């Protein structure tokens, strides 16, 4: 499959970040990631030396498109910066007014 899921050895160890990434400061790691995020309307929330990168998406996307956008961003980051980086999304607050009242009982 050219652009789908590639099934490989499930017991194979996941790639780890290289020493260059580990030696960078937090500001240097953030600037490298942000250089790739200019086309995606996203910003870096935090990075760690072990390869965890948390971003916040600037636009409001439905749940179906958020996953695809994150996949595309992670693919770019792994291709151009380091194959061991894992991408996480900063949780968004729930803005649905009806769900805020779930479990609330009105007395009257």
PDB file of N, CA and C in Angstrom:
ATOM      1  N   UNK A   1       0.841  -1.186   0.000  1.00  0.00           N
ATOM      2  CA  UNK A   1       0.000   0.000   0.000  1.00  0.00           C
ATOM      3  C   UNK A   1       0.881   1.242   0.000  1.00  0.00           C
ATOM      4  N   UNK A   2       0.772   2.082  -0.967  1.00  0.00           N
ATOM      5  CA  UNK A   2       1.674   3.221  -1.069  1.00  0.00           C
ATOM      6  C   UNK A   2       1.486   4.264   0.026  1.00  0.00           C
ATOM      7  N   UNK A   3       0.260   4.520   0.467  1.00  0.00           N
ATOM      8  CA  UNK A   3       0.062   5.605   1.423  1.00  0.00           C
ATOM      9  C   UNK A   3      -0.721   5.157   2.646  1.00  0.00           C
ATOM     10  N   UNK A   4      -0.936   3.863   2.800  1.00  0.00           N
ATOM     11  CA  UNK A   4      -1.727   3.368   3.912  1.00  0.00           C
ATOM     12  C   UNK A   4      -0.859   2.848   5.038  1.00  0.00           C
ATOM     13  N   UNK A   5      -1.433   1.977   5.817  1.00  0.00           N
ATOM     14  CA  UNK A   5      -0.730   1.391   6.950  1.00  0.00           C
ATOM     15  C   UNK A   5       0.180   0.284   6.444  1.00  0.00           C
ATOM     16  N   UNK A   6       1.411   0.319   6.883  1.00  0.00           N
ATOM     17  CA  UNK A   6       2.353  -0.733   6.529  1.00  0.00           C
ATOM     18  C   UNK A   6       2.475  -1.672   7.718  1.00  0.00           C
ATOM     19  N   UNK A   7       2.155  -2.915   7.487  1.00  0.00           N
ATOM     20  CA  UNK A   7       2.216  -3.896   8.563  1.00  0.00           C
ATOM     21  C   UNK A   7       3.600  -4.520   8.537  1.00  0.00           C
ATOM     22  N   UNK A   8       4.291  -4.392   9.632  1.00  0.00           N
ATOM     23  CA  UNK A   8       5.636  -4.940   9.726  1.00  0.00           C
ATOM     24  C   UNK A   8       5.721  -5.895  10.899  1.00  0.00           C
ATOM     25  N   UNK A   9       6.888  -6.086  11.404  1.00  0.00           N
ATOM     26  CA  UNK A   9       7.121  -6.966  12.529  1.00  0.00           C
ATOM     27  C   UNK A   9       6.623  -6.292  13.805  1.00  0.00           C
ATOM     28  N   UNK A  10       5.596  -6.842  14.470  1.00  0.00           N
ATOM     29  CA  UNK A  10       5.068  -6.200  15.681  1.00  0.00           C
ATOM     30  C   UNK A  10       6.031  -6.249  16.861  1.00  0.00           C
ATOM     31  N   UNK A  11       7.016  -7.114  16.807  1.00  0.00           N
ATOM     32  CA  UNK A  11       7.972  -7.239  17.902  1.00  0.00           C
ATOM     33  C   UNK A  11       9.199  -6.352  17.703  1.00  0.00           C
ATOM     34  N   UNK A  12       9.255  -5.707  16.566  1.00  0.00           N
ATOM     35  CA  UNK A  12      10.393  -4.840  16.285  1.00  0.00           C
ATOM     36  C   UNK A  12      10.329  -3.602  17.183  1.00  0.00           C
ATOM     37  N   UNK A  13      11.461  -3.217  17.695  1.00  0.00           N
ATOM     38  CA  UNK A  13      11.521  -2.060  18.584  1.00  0.00           C
ATOM     39  C   UNK A  13      11.303  -0.770  17.793  1.00  0.00           C
ATOM     40  N   UNK A  14      10.527   0.129  18.371  1.00  0.00           N
ATOM     41  CA  UNK A  14      10.251   1.414  17.719  1.00  0.00           C
ATOM     42  C   UNK A  14      11.541   2.232  17.645  1.00  0.00           C
ATOM     43  N   UNK A  15      11.653   3.091  16.619  1.00  0.00           N
ATOM     44  CA  UNK A  15      12.870   3.910  16.524  1.00  0.00           C
ATOM     45  C   UNK A  15      12.993   4.865  17.704  1.00  0.00           C
ATOM     46  N   UNK A  16      14.197   5.100  18.119  1.00  0.00           N
ATOM     47  CA  UNK A  16      14.464   6.040  19.213  1.00  0.00           C
ATOM     48  C   UNK A  16      15.129   7.281  18.640  1.00  0.00           C
ATOM     49  N   UNK A  17      15.007   8.374  19.379  1.00  0.00           N
ATOM     50  CA  UNK A  17      15.614   9.614  18.905  1.00  0.00           C
ATOM     51  C   UNK A  17      17.135   9.486  18.960  1.00  0.00           C
ATOM     52  N   UNK A  18      17.782  10.180  18.042  1.00  0.00           N
ATOM     53  CA  UNK A  18      19.238  10.103  17.991  1.00  0.00           C
ATOM     54  C   UNK A  18      19.866  11.053  19.012  1.00  0.00           C
ATOM     55  N   UNK A  19      21.157  10.934  19.162  1.00  0.00           N
ATOM     56  CA  UNK A  19      21.889  11.715  20.165  1.00  0.00           C
ATOM     57  C   UNK A  19      21.835  13.209  19.868  1.00  0.00           C
ATOM     58  N   UNK A  20      21.773  13.559  18.593  1.00  0.00           N
ATOM     59  CA  UNK A  20      21.706  14.981  18.231  1.00  0.00           C
ATOM     60  C   UNK A  20      20.458  15.635  18.836  1.00  0.00           C
ATOM     61  N   UNK A  21      19.308  14.967  18.721  1.00  0.00           N
ATOM     62  CA  UNK A  21      18.057  15.498  19.286  1.00  0.00           C
ATOM     63  C   UNK A  21      18.167  15.611  20.799  1.00  0.00           C
ATOM     64  N   UNK A  22      18.738  14.617  21.439  1.00  0.00           N
ATOM     65  CA  UNK A  22      18.871  14.618  22.896  1.00  0.00           C
ATOM     66  C   UNK A  22      19.766  15.749  23.385  1.00  0.00           C
ATOM     67  N   UNK A  23      20.752  16.124  22.576  1.00  0.00           N
ATOM     68  CA  UNK A  23      21.702  17.151  23.010  1.00  0.00           C
ATOM     69  C   UNK A  23      21.177  18.581  22.808  1.00  0.00           C
ATOM     70  N   UNK A  24      20.093  18.740  22.060  1.00  0.00           N
ATOM     71  CA  UNK A  24      19.543  20.077  21.826  1.00  0.00           C
ATOM     72  C   UNK A  24      18.853  20.616  23.079  1.00  0.00           C
ATOM     73  N   UNK A  25      18.843  21.930  23.218  1.00  0.00           N
ATOM     74  CA  UNK A  25      18.080  22.547  24.297  1.00  0.00           C
ATOM     75  C   UNK A  25      16.602  22.545  23.912  1.00  0.00           C
ATOM     76  N   UNK A  26      15.745  22.813  24.871  1.00  0.00           N
ATOM     77  CA  UNK A  26      14.310  22.833  24.604  1.00  0.00           C
ATOM     78  C   UNK A  26      13.964  23.883  23.551  1.00  0.00           C
ATOM     79  N   UNK A  27      14.591  25.027  23.620  1.00  0.00           N
ATOM     80  CA  UNK A  27      14.328  26.103  22.658  1.00  0.00           C
ATOM     81  C   UNK A  27      14.770  25.682  21.251  1.00  0.00           C
ATOM     82  N   UNK A  28      15.921  25.023  21.142  1.00  0.00           N
ATOM     83  CA  UNK A  28      16.392  24.556  19.835  1.00  0.00           C
ATOM     84  C   UNK A  28      15.462  23.494  19.252  1.00  0.00           C
ATOM     85  N   UNK A  29      14.982  22.573  20.116  1.00  0.00           N
ATOM     86  CA  UNK A  29      14.037  21.549  19.637  1.00  0.00           C
ATOM     87  C   UNK A  29      12.752  22.197  19.157  1.00  0.00           C
ATOM     88  N   UNK A  30      12.239  23.145  19.922  1.00  0.00           N
ATOM     89  CA  UNK A  30      10.993  23.821  19.535  1.00  0.00           C
ATOM     90  C   UNK A  30      11.145  24.573  18.223  1.00  0.00           C
ATOM     91  N   UNK A  31      12.262  25.253  18.041  1.00  0.00           N
ATOM     92  CA  UNK A  31      12.440  26.026  16.807  1.00  0.00           C
ATOM     93  C   UNK A  31      12.542  25.109  15.587  1.00  0.00           C
ATOM     94  N   UNK A  32      13.161  23.944  15.738  1.00  0.00           N
ATOM     95  CA  UNK A  32      13.235  23.007  14.611  1.00  0.00           C
ATOM     96  C   UNK A  32      11.849  22.489  14.233  1.00  0.00           C
ATOM     97  N   UNK A  33      11.050  22.166  15.231  1.00  0.00           N
ATOM     98  CA  UNK A  33       9.694  21.668  14.960  1.00  0.00           C
ATOM     99  C   UNK A  33       8.832  22.784  14.373  1.00  0.00           C
ATOM    100  N   UNK A  34       8.912  23.983  14.950  1.00  0.00           N
ATOM    101  CA  UNK A  34       8.081  25.093  14.471  1.00  0.00           C
ATOM    102  C   UNK A  34       8.412  25.476  13.028  1.00  0.00           C
ATOM    103  N   UNK A  35       9.645  25.256  12.607  1.00  0.00           N
ATOM    104  CA  UNK A  35      10.005  25.540  11.219  1.00  0.00           C
ATOM    105  C   UNK A  35       9.210  24.661  10.250  1.00  0.00           C
ATOM    106  N   UNK A  36       8.869  23.447  10.676  1.00  0.00           N
ATOM    107  CA  UNK A  36       8.067  22.561   9.832  1.00  0.00           C
ATOM    108  C   UNK A  36       6.566  22.813   9.965  1.00  0.00           C
ATOM    109  N   UNK A  37       6.157  23.445  11.050  1.00  0.00           N
ATOM    110  CA  UNK A  37       4.726  23.625  11.311  1.00  0.00           C
ATOM    111  C   UNK A  37       4.125  24.860  10.645  1.00  0.00           C
ATOM    112  N   UNK A  38       4.906  25.619   9.907  1.00  0.00           N
ATOM    113  CA  UNK A  38       4.389  26.862   9.319  1.00  0.00           C
ATOM    114  C   UNK A  38       3.229  26.612   8.363  1.00  0.00           C
ATOM    115  N   UNK A  39       3.222  25.486   7.676  1.00  0.00           N
ATOM    116  CA  UNK A  39       2.141  25.179   6.732  1.00  0.00           C
ATOM    117  C   UNK A  39       0.923  24.554   7.403  1.00  0.00           C
ATOM    118  N   UNK A  40       1.021  24.229   8.676  1.00  0.00           N
ATOM    119  CA  UNK A  40      -0.041  23.477   9.339  1.00  0.00           C
ATOM    120  C   UNK A  40      -0.848  24.274  10.360  1.00  0.00           C
ATOM    121  N   UNK A  41      -0.551  25.537  10.581  1.00  0.00           N
ATOM    122  CA  UNK A  41      -1.260  26.350  11.556  1.00  0.00           C
ATOM    123  C   UNK A  41      -1.287  25.658  12.924  1.00  0.00           C
ATOM    124  N   UNK A  42      -0.114  25.301  13.398  1.00  0.00           N
ATOM    125  CA  UNK A  42       0.030  24.636  14.687  1.00  0.00           C
ATOM    126  C   UNK A  42       1.233  25.223  15.403  1.00  0.00           C
ATOM    127  N   UNK A  43       1.235  25.084  16.730  1.00  0.00           N
ATOM    128  CA  UNK A  43       2.386  25.561  17.485  1.00  0.00           C
ATOM    129  C   UNK A  43       2.809  24.536  18.519  1.00  0.00           C
ATOM    130  N   UNK A  44       4.083  24.558  18.852  1.00  0.00           N
ATOM    131  CA  UNK A  44       4.655  23.606  19.801  1.00  0.00           C
ATOM    132  C   UNK A  44       4.309  24.038  21.220  1.00  0.00           C
ATOM    133  N   UNK A  45       3.811  23.090  22.004  1.00  0.00           N
ATOM    134  CA  UNK A  45       3.528  23.343  23.419  1.00  0.00           C
ATOM    135  C   UNK A  45       4.731  22.940  24.260  1.00  0.00           C
ATOM    136  N   UNK A  46       5.280  21.743  23.975  1.00  0.00           N
ATOM    137  CA  UNK A  46       6.471  21.288  24.705  1.00  0.00           C
ATOM    138  C   UNK A  46       7.178  20.189  23.933  1.00  0.00           C
ATOM    139  N   UNK A  47       8.466  20.056  24.189  1.00  0.00           N
ATOM    140  CA  UNK A  47       9.262  18.969  23.629  1.00  0.00           C
ATOM    141  C   UNK A  47      10.077  18.357  24.753  1.00  0.00           C
ATOM    142  N   UNK A  48      10.436  17.098  24.599  1.00  0.00           N
ATOM    143  CA  UNK A  48      11.302  16.451  25.584  1.00  0.00           C
ATOM    144  C   UNK A  48      12.488  15.830  24.862  1.00  0.00           C
ATOM    145  N   UNK A  49      13.525  15.552  25.610  1.00  0.00           N
ATOM    146  CA  UNK A  49      14.726  14.975  25.012  1.00  0.00           C
ATOM    147  C   UNK A  49      14.510  13.536  24.570  1.00  0.00           C
ATOM    148  N   UNK A  50      13.481  12.860  25.094  1.00  0.00           N
ATOM    149  CA  UNK A  50      13.223  11.481  24.672  1.00  0.00           C
ATOM    150  C   UNK A  50      12.291  11.386  23.469  1.00  0.00           C
ATOM    151  N   UNK A  51      11.972  12.511  22.833  1.00  0.00           N
ATOM    152  CA  UNK A  51      11.254  12.491  21.569  1.00  0.00           C
ATOM    153  C   UNK A  51       9.776  12.796  21.621  1.00  0.00           C
ATOM    154  N   UNK A  52       9.243  13.163  22.771  1.00  0.00           N
ATOM    155  CA  UNK A  52       7.827  13.519  22.854  1.00  0.00           C
ATOM    156  C   UNK A  52       7.651  14.986  22.470  1.00  0.00           C
ATOM    157  N   UNK A  53       6.792  15.232  21.483  1.00  0.00           N
ATOM    158  CA  UNK A  53       6.503  16.598  21.040  1.00  0.00           C
ATOM    159  C   UNK A  53       4.996  16.805  21.144  1.00  0.00           C
ATOM    160  N   UNK A  54       4.590  17.811  21.907  1.00  0.00           N
ATOM    161  CA  UNK A  54       3.176  18.137  22.065  1.00  0.00           C
ATOM    162  C   UNK A  54       2.890  19.419  21.311  1.00  0.00           C
ATOM    163  N   UNK A  55       1.855  19.379  20.459  1.00  0.00           N
ATOM    164  CA  UNK A  55       1.492  20.556  19.677  1.00  0.00           C
ATOM    165  C   UNK A  55       0.040  20.928  19.951  1.00  0.00           C
ATOM    166  N   UNK A  56      -0.291  22.134  19.558  1.00  0.00           N
ATOM    167  CA  UNK A  56      -1.663  22.622  19.639  1.00  0.00           C
ATOM    168  C   UNK A  56      -2.052  23.101  18.246  1.00  0.00           C
ATOM    169  N   UNK A  57      -3.168  22.578  17.744  1.00  0.00           N
ATOM    170  CA  UNK A  57      -3.636  22.973  16.420  1.00  0.00           C
ATOM    171  C   UNK A  57      -4.385  24.285  16.527  1.00  0.00           C
ATOM    172  N   UNK A  58      -4.082  25.214  15.620  1.00  0.00           N
ATOM    173  CA  UNK A  58      -4.664  26.539  15.672  1.00  0.00           C
ATOM    174  C   UNK A  58      -6.076  26.631  15.142  1.00  0.00           C
ATOM    175  N   UNK A  59      -6.450  25.714  14.285  1.00  0.00           N
ATOM    176  CA  UNK A  59      -7.773  25.792  13.685  1.00  0.00           C
ATOM    177  C   UNK A  59      -8.686  24.745  14.308  1.00  0.00           C
ATOM    178  N   UNK A  60      -9.976  25.000  14.219  1.00  0.00           N
ATOM    179  CA  UNK A  60     -10.912  24.022  14.752  1.00  0.00           C
ATOM    180  C   UNK A  60     -11.252  23.022  13.649  1.00  0.00           C
ATOM    181  N   UNK A  61     -10.863  21.778  13.877  1.00  0.00           N
ATOM    182  CA  UNK A  61     -11.124  20.700  12.930  1.00  0.00           C
ATOM    183  C   UNK A  61     -12.070  19.696  13.575  1.00  0.00           C
ATOM    184  N   UNK A  62     -12.847  19.020  12.746  1.00  0.00           N
ATOM    185  CA  UNK A  62     -13.668  17.954  13.300  1.00  0.00           C
ATOM    186  C   UNK A  62     -12.772  16.772  13.640  1.00  0.00           C
ATOM    187  N   UNK A  63     -13.285  15.854  14.434  1.00  0.00           N
ATOM    188  CA  UNK A  63     -12.471  14.744  14.945  1.00  0.00           C
ATOM    189  C   UNK A  63     -11.874  13.898  13.828  1.00  0.00           C
ATOM    190  N   UNK A  64     -12.583  13.743  12.726  1.00  0.00           N
ATOM    191  CA  UNK A  64     -12.075  12.913  11.624  1.00  0.00           C
ATOM    192  C   UNK A  64     -10.831  13.528  10.993  1.00  0.00           C
ATOM    193  N   UNK A  65     -10.772  14.832  10.880  1.00  0.00           N
ATOM    194  CA  UNK A  65      -9.643  15.493  10.230  1.00  0.00           C
ATOM    195  C   UNK A  65      -8.460  15.733  11.152  1.00  0.00           C
ATOM    196  N   UNK A  66      -8.691  15.767  12.454  1.00  0.00           N
ATOM    197  CA  UNK A  66      -7.591  15.991  13.391  1.00  0.00           C
ATOM    198  C   UNK A  66      -6.582  14.855  13.300  1.00  0.00           C
ATOM    199  N   UNK A  67      -7.057  13.625  13.271  1.00  0.00           N
ATOM    200  CA  UNK A  67      -6.158  12.474  13.190  1.00  0.00           C
ATOM    201  C   UNK A  67      -5.318  12.481  11.932  1.00  0.00           C
ATOM    202  N   UNK A  68      -5.949  12.816  10.815  1.00  0.00           N
ATOM    203  CA  UNK A  68      -5.204  12.855   9.550  1.00  0.00           C
ATOM    204  C   UNK A  68      -4.163  13.968   9.560  1.00  0.00           C
ATOM    205  N   UNK A  69      -4.516  15.110  10.126  1.00  0.00           N
ATOM    206  CA  UNK A  69      -3.586  16.237  10.196  1.00  0.00           C
ATOM    207  C   UNK A  69      -2.387  15.880  11.083  1.00  0.00           C
ATOM    208  N   UNK A  70      -2.655  15.264  12.238  1.00  0.00           N
ATOM    209  CA  UNK A  70      -1.568  14.851  13.128  1.00  0.00           C
ATOM    210  C   UNK A  70      -0.658  13.827  12.454  1.00  0.00           C
ATOM    211  N   UNK A  71      -1.252  12.904  11.715  1.00  0.00           N
ATOM    212  CA  UNK A  71      -0.457  11.903  11.002  1.00  0.00           C
ATOM    213  C   UNK A  71       0.462  12.560   9.981  1.00  0.00           C
ATOM    214  N   UNK A  72      -0.074  13.533   9.242  1.00  0.00           N
ATOM    215  CA  UNK A  72       0.729  14.224   8.243  1.00  0.00           C
ATOM    216  C   UNK A  72       1.876  15.003   8.882  1.00  0.00           C
ATOM    217  N   UNK A  73       1.581  15.673   9.993  1.00  0.00           N
ATOM    218  CA  UNK A  73       2.618  16.447  10.690  1.00  0.00           C
ATOM    219  C   UNK A  73       3.697  15.513  11.231  1.00  0.00           C
ATOM    220  N   UNK A  74       3.279  14.414  11.867  1.00  0.00           N
ATOM    221  CA  UNK A  74       4.262  13.483  12.428  1.00  0.00           C
ATOM    222  C   UNK A  74       5.125  12.872  11.326  1.00  0.00           C
ATOM    223  N   UNK A  75       4.536  12.587  10.200  1.00  0.00           N
ATOM    224  CA  UNK A  75       5.295  12.029   9.076  1.00  0.00           C
ATOM    225  C   UNK A  75       6.372  13.012   8.630  1.00  0.00           C
ATOM    226  N   UNK A  76       6.029  14.281   8.525  1.00  0.00           N
ATOM    227  CA  UNK A  76       7.019  15.305   8.130  1.00  0.00           C
ATOM    228  C   UNK A  76       8.131  15.418   9.170  1.00  0.00           C
ATOM    229  N   UNK A  77       7.748  15.458  10.432  1.00  0.00           N
ATOM    230  CA  UNK A  77       8.740  15.601  11.503  1.00  0.00           C
ATOM    231  C   UNK A  77       9.697  14.412  11.494  1.00  0.00           C
ATOM    232  N   UNK A  78       9.155  13.220  11.379  1.00  0.00           N
ATOM    233  CA  UNK A  78      10.007  12.022  11.368  1.00  0.00           C
ATOM    234  C   UNK A  78      10.898  11.973  10.134  1.00  0.00           C
ATOM    235  N   UNK A  79      10.406  12.480   9.032  1.00  0.00           N
ATOM    236  CA  UNK A  79      11.182  12.438   7.790  1.00  0.00           C
ATOM    237  C   UNK A  79      12.321  13.449   7.791  1.00  0.00           C
ATOM    238  N   UNK A  80      12.049  14.661   8.279  1.00  0.00           N
ATOM    239  CA  UNK A  80      13.037  15.731   8.155  1.00  0.00           C
ATOM    240  C   UNK A  80      13.834  16.024   9.427  1.00  0.00           C
ATOM    241  N   UNK A  81      13.359  15.605  10.581  1.00  0.00           N
ATOM    242  CA  UNK A  81      14.080  15.926  11.820  1.00  0.00           C
ATOM    243  C   UNK A  81      14.648  14.678  12.483  1.00  0.00           C
ATOM    244  N   UNK A  82      13.756  13.737  12.902  1.00  0.00           N
ATOM    245  CA  UNK A  82      14.236  12.533  13.575  1.00  0.00           C
ATOM    246  C   UNK A  82      13.153  11.462  13.516  1.00  0.00           C
ATOM    247  N   UNK A  83      13.489  10.238  13.129  1.00  0.00           N
ATOM    248  CA  UNK A  83      12.474   9.187  13.015  1.00  0.00           C
ATOM    249  C   UNK A  83      11.930   8.685  14.344  1.00  0.00           C
ATOM    250  N   UNK A  84      12.553   9.045  15.447  1.00  0.00           N
ATOM    251  CA  UNK A  84      12.103   8.564  16.748  1.00  0.00           C
ATOM    252  C   UNK A  84      11.132   9.490  17.462  1.00  0.00           C
ATOM    253  N   UNK A  85      10.770  10.594  16.858  1.00  0.00           N
ATOM    254  CA  UNK A  85       9.886  11.564  17.507  1.00  0.00           C
ATOM    255  C   UNK A  85       8.447  11.073  17.472  1.00  0.00           C
ATOM    256  N   UNK A  86       7.748  11.239  18.599  1.00  0.00           N
ATOM    257  CA  UNK A  86       6.328  10.915  18.689  1.00  0.00           C
ATOM    258  C   UNK A  86       5.559  12.214  18.900  1.00  0.00           C
ATOM    259  N   UNK A  87       4.462  12.357  18.204  1.00  0.00           N
ATOM    260  CA  UNK A  87       3.678  13.581  18.242  1.00  0.00           C
ATOM    261  C   UNK A  87       2.432  13.385  19.092  1.00  0.00           C
ATOM    262  N   UNK A  88       2.142  14.355  19.952  1.00  0.00           N
ATOM    263  CA  UNK A  88       0.956  14.352  20.791  1.00  0.00           C
ATOM    264  C   UNK A  88       0.231  15.676  20.610  1.00  0.00           C
ATOM    265  N   UNK A  89      -1.078  15.659  20.822  1.00  0.00           N
ATOM    266  CA  UNK A  89      -1.868  16.876  20.690  1.00  0.00           C
ATOM    267  C   UNK A  89      -2.302  17.352  22.070  1.00  0.00           C
ATOM    268  N   UNK A  90      -2.174  18.643  22.298  1.00  0.00           N
ATOM    269  CA  UNK A  90      -2.630  19.251  23.542  1.00  0.00           C
ATOM    270  C   UNK A  90      -4.155  19.083  23.610  1.00  0.00           C
ATOM    271  N   UNK A  91      -4.684  18.538  24.713  1.00  0.00           N
ATOM    272  CA  UNK A  91      -6.138  18.372  24.811  1.00  0.00           C
ATOM    273  C   UNK A  91      -6.864  19.713  24.740  1.00  0.00           C
ATOM    274  N   UNK A  92      -7.986  19.701  24.074  1.00  0.00           N
ATOM    275  CA  UNK A  92      -8.803  20.909  23.961  1.00  0.00           C
ATOM    276  C   UNK A  92      -9.952  20.841  24.958  1.00  0.00           C
ATOM    277  N   UNK A  93     -10.386  21.975  25.481  1.00  0.00           N
ATOM    278  CA  UNK A  93     -11.555  21.950  26.360  1.00  0.00           C
ATOM    279  C   UNK A  93     -12.808  21.634  25.555  1.00  0.00           C
ATOM    280  N   UNK A  94     -13.753  20.961  26.179  1.00  0.00           N
ATOM    281  CA  UNK A  94     -15.009  20.613  25.525  1.00  0.00           C
ATOM    282  C   UNK A  94     -15.896  21.854  25.495  1.00  0.00           C
ATOM    283  N   UNK A  95     -16.283  22.278  24.303  1.00  0.00           N
ATOM    284  CA  UNK A  95     -17.095  23.487  24.154  1.00  0.00           C
ATOM    285  C   UNK A  95     -18.572  23.183  23.938  1.00  0.00           C
ATOM    286  N   UNK A  96     -18.933  21.910  23.972  1.00  0.00           N
ATOM    287  CA  UNK A  96     -20.316  21.527  23.758  1.00  0.00           C
ATOM    288  C   UNK A  96     -21.134  21.852  25.010  1.00  0.00           C
ATOM    289  N   UNK A  97     -22.114  22.736  24.878  1.00  0.00           N
ATOM    290  CA  UNK A  97     -22.908  23.185  26.023  1.00  0.00           C
ATOM    291  C   UNK A  97     -23.776  22.070  26.598  1.00  0.00           C
ATOM    292  N   UNK A  98     -24.296  21.208  25.763  1.00  0.00           N
ATOM    293  CA  UNK A  98     -25.179  20.146  26.247  1.00  0.00           C
ATOM    294  C   UNK A  98     -24.425  19.116  27.074  1.00  0.00           C
ATOM    295  N   UNK A  99     -23.198  18.782  26.677  1.00  0.00           N
ATOM    296  CA  UNK A  99     -22.431  17.801  27.445  1.00  0.00           C
ATOM    297  C   UNK A  99     -22.010  18.344  28.800  1.00  0.00           C
ATOM    298  N   UNK A 100     -21.944  19.660  28.947  1.00  0.00           N
ATOM    299  CA  UNK A 100     -21.565  20.227  30.237  1.00  0.00           C
ATOM    300  C   UNK A 100     -22.613  19.926  31.295  1.00  0.00           C
ATOM    301  N   UNK A 101     -23.844  19.693  30.877  1.00  0.00           N
ATOM    302  CA  UNK A 101     -24.920  19.431  31.833  1.00  0.00           C
ATOM    303  C   UNK A 101     -25.198  17.954  32.031  1.00  0.00           C
ATOM    304  N   UNK A 102     -24.380  17.095  31.447  1.00  0.00           N
ATOM    305  CA  UNK A 102     -24.563  15.655  31.608  1.00  0.00           C
ATOM    306  C   UNK A 102     -24.438  15.291  33.081  1.00  0.00           C
ATOM    307  N   UNK A 103     -25.423  14.590  33.592  1.00  0.00           N
ATOM    308  CA  UNK A 103     -25.400  14.152  34.985  1.00  0.00           C
ATOM    309  C   UNK A 103     -25.937  15.183  35.949  1.00  0.00           C
ATOM    310  N   UNK A 104     -26.322  16.363  35.442  1.00  0.00           N
ATOM    311  CA  UNK A 104     -26.869  17.389  36.326  1.00  0.00           C
ATOM    312  C   UNK A 104     -28.368  17.195  36.425  1.00  0.00           C
ATOM    313  N   UNK A 105     -28.875  17.162  37.643  1.00  0.00           N
ATOM    314  CA  UNK A 105     -30.301  16.991  37.858  1.00  0.00           C
ATOM    315  C   UNK A 105     -30.897  18.328  38.315  1.00  0.00           C
ATOM    316  N   UNK A 106     -31.923  18.781  37.626  1.00  0.00           N
ATOM    317  CA  UNK A 106     -32.565  20.043  37.981  1.00  0.00           C
ATOM    318  C   UNK A 106     -33.674  19.784  38.988  1.00  0.00           C
ATOM    319  N   UNK A 107     -33.649  20.531  40.054  1.00  0.00           N
ATOM    320  CA  UNK A 107     -34.688  20.405  41.079  1.00  0.00           C
ATOM    321  C   UNK A 107     -35.724  21.500  40.869  1.00  0.00           C
ATOM    322  N   UNK A 108     -36.970  21.164  41.139  1.00  0.00           N
ATOM    323  CA  UNK A 108     -37.921  22.239  40.972  1.00  0.00           C
ATOM    324  C   UNK A 108     -39.328  21.885  41.018  1.00  0.00           C
TER     325      UNK A 108
END
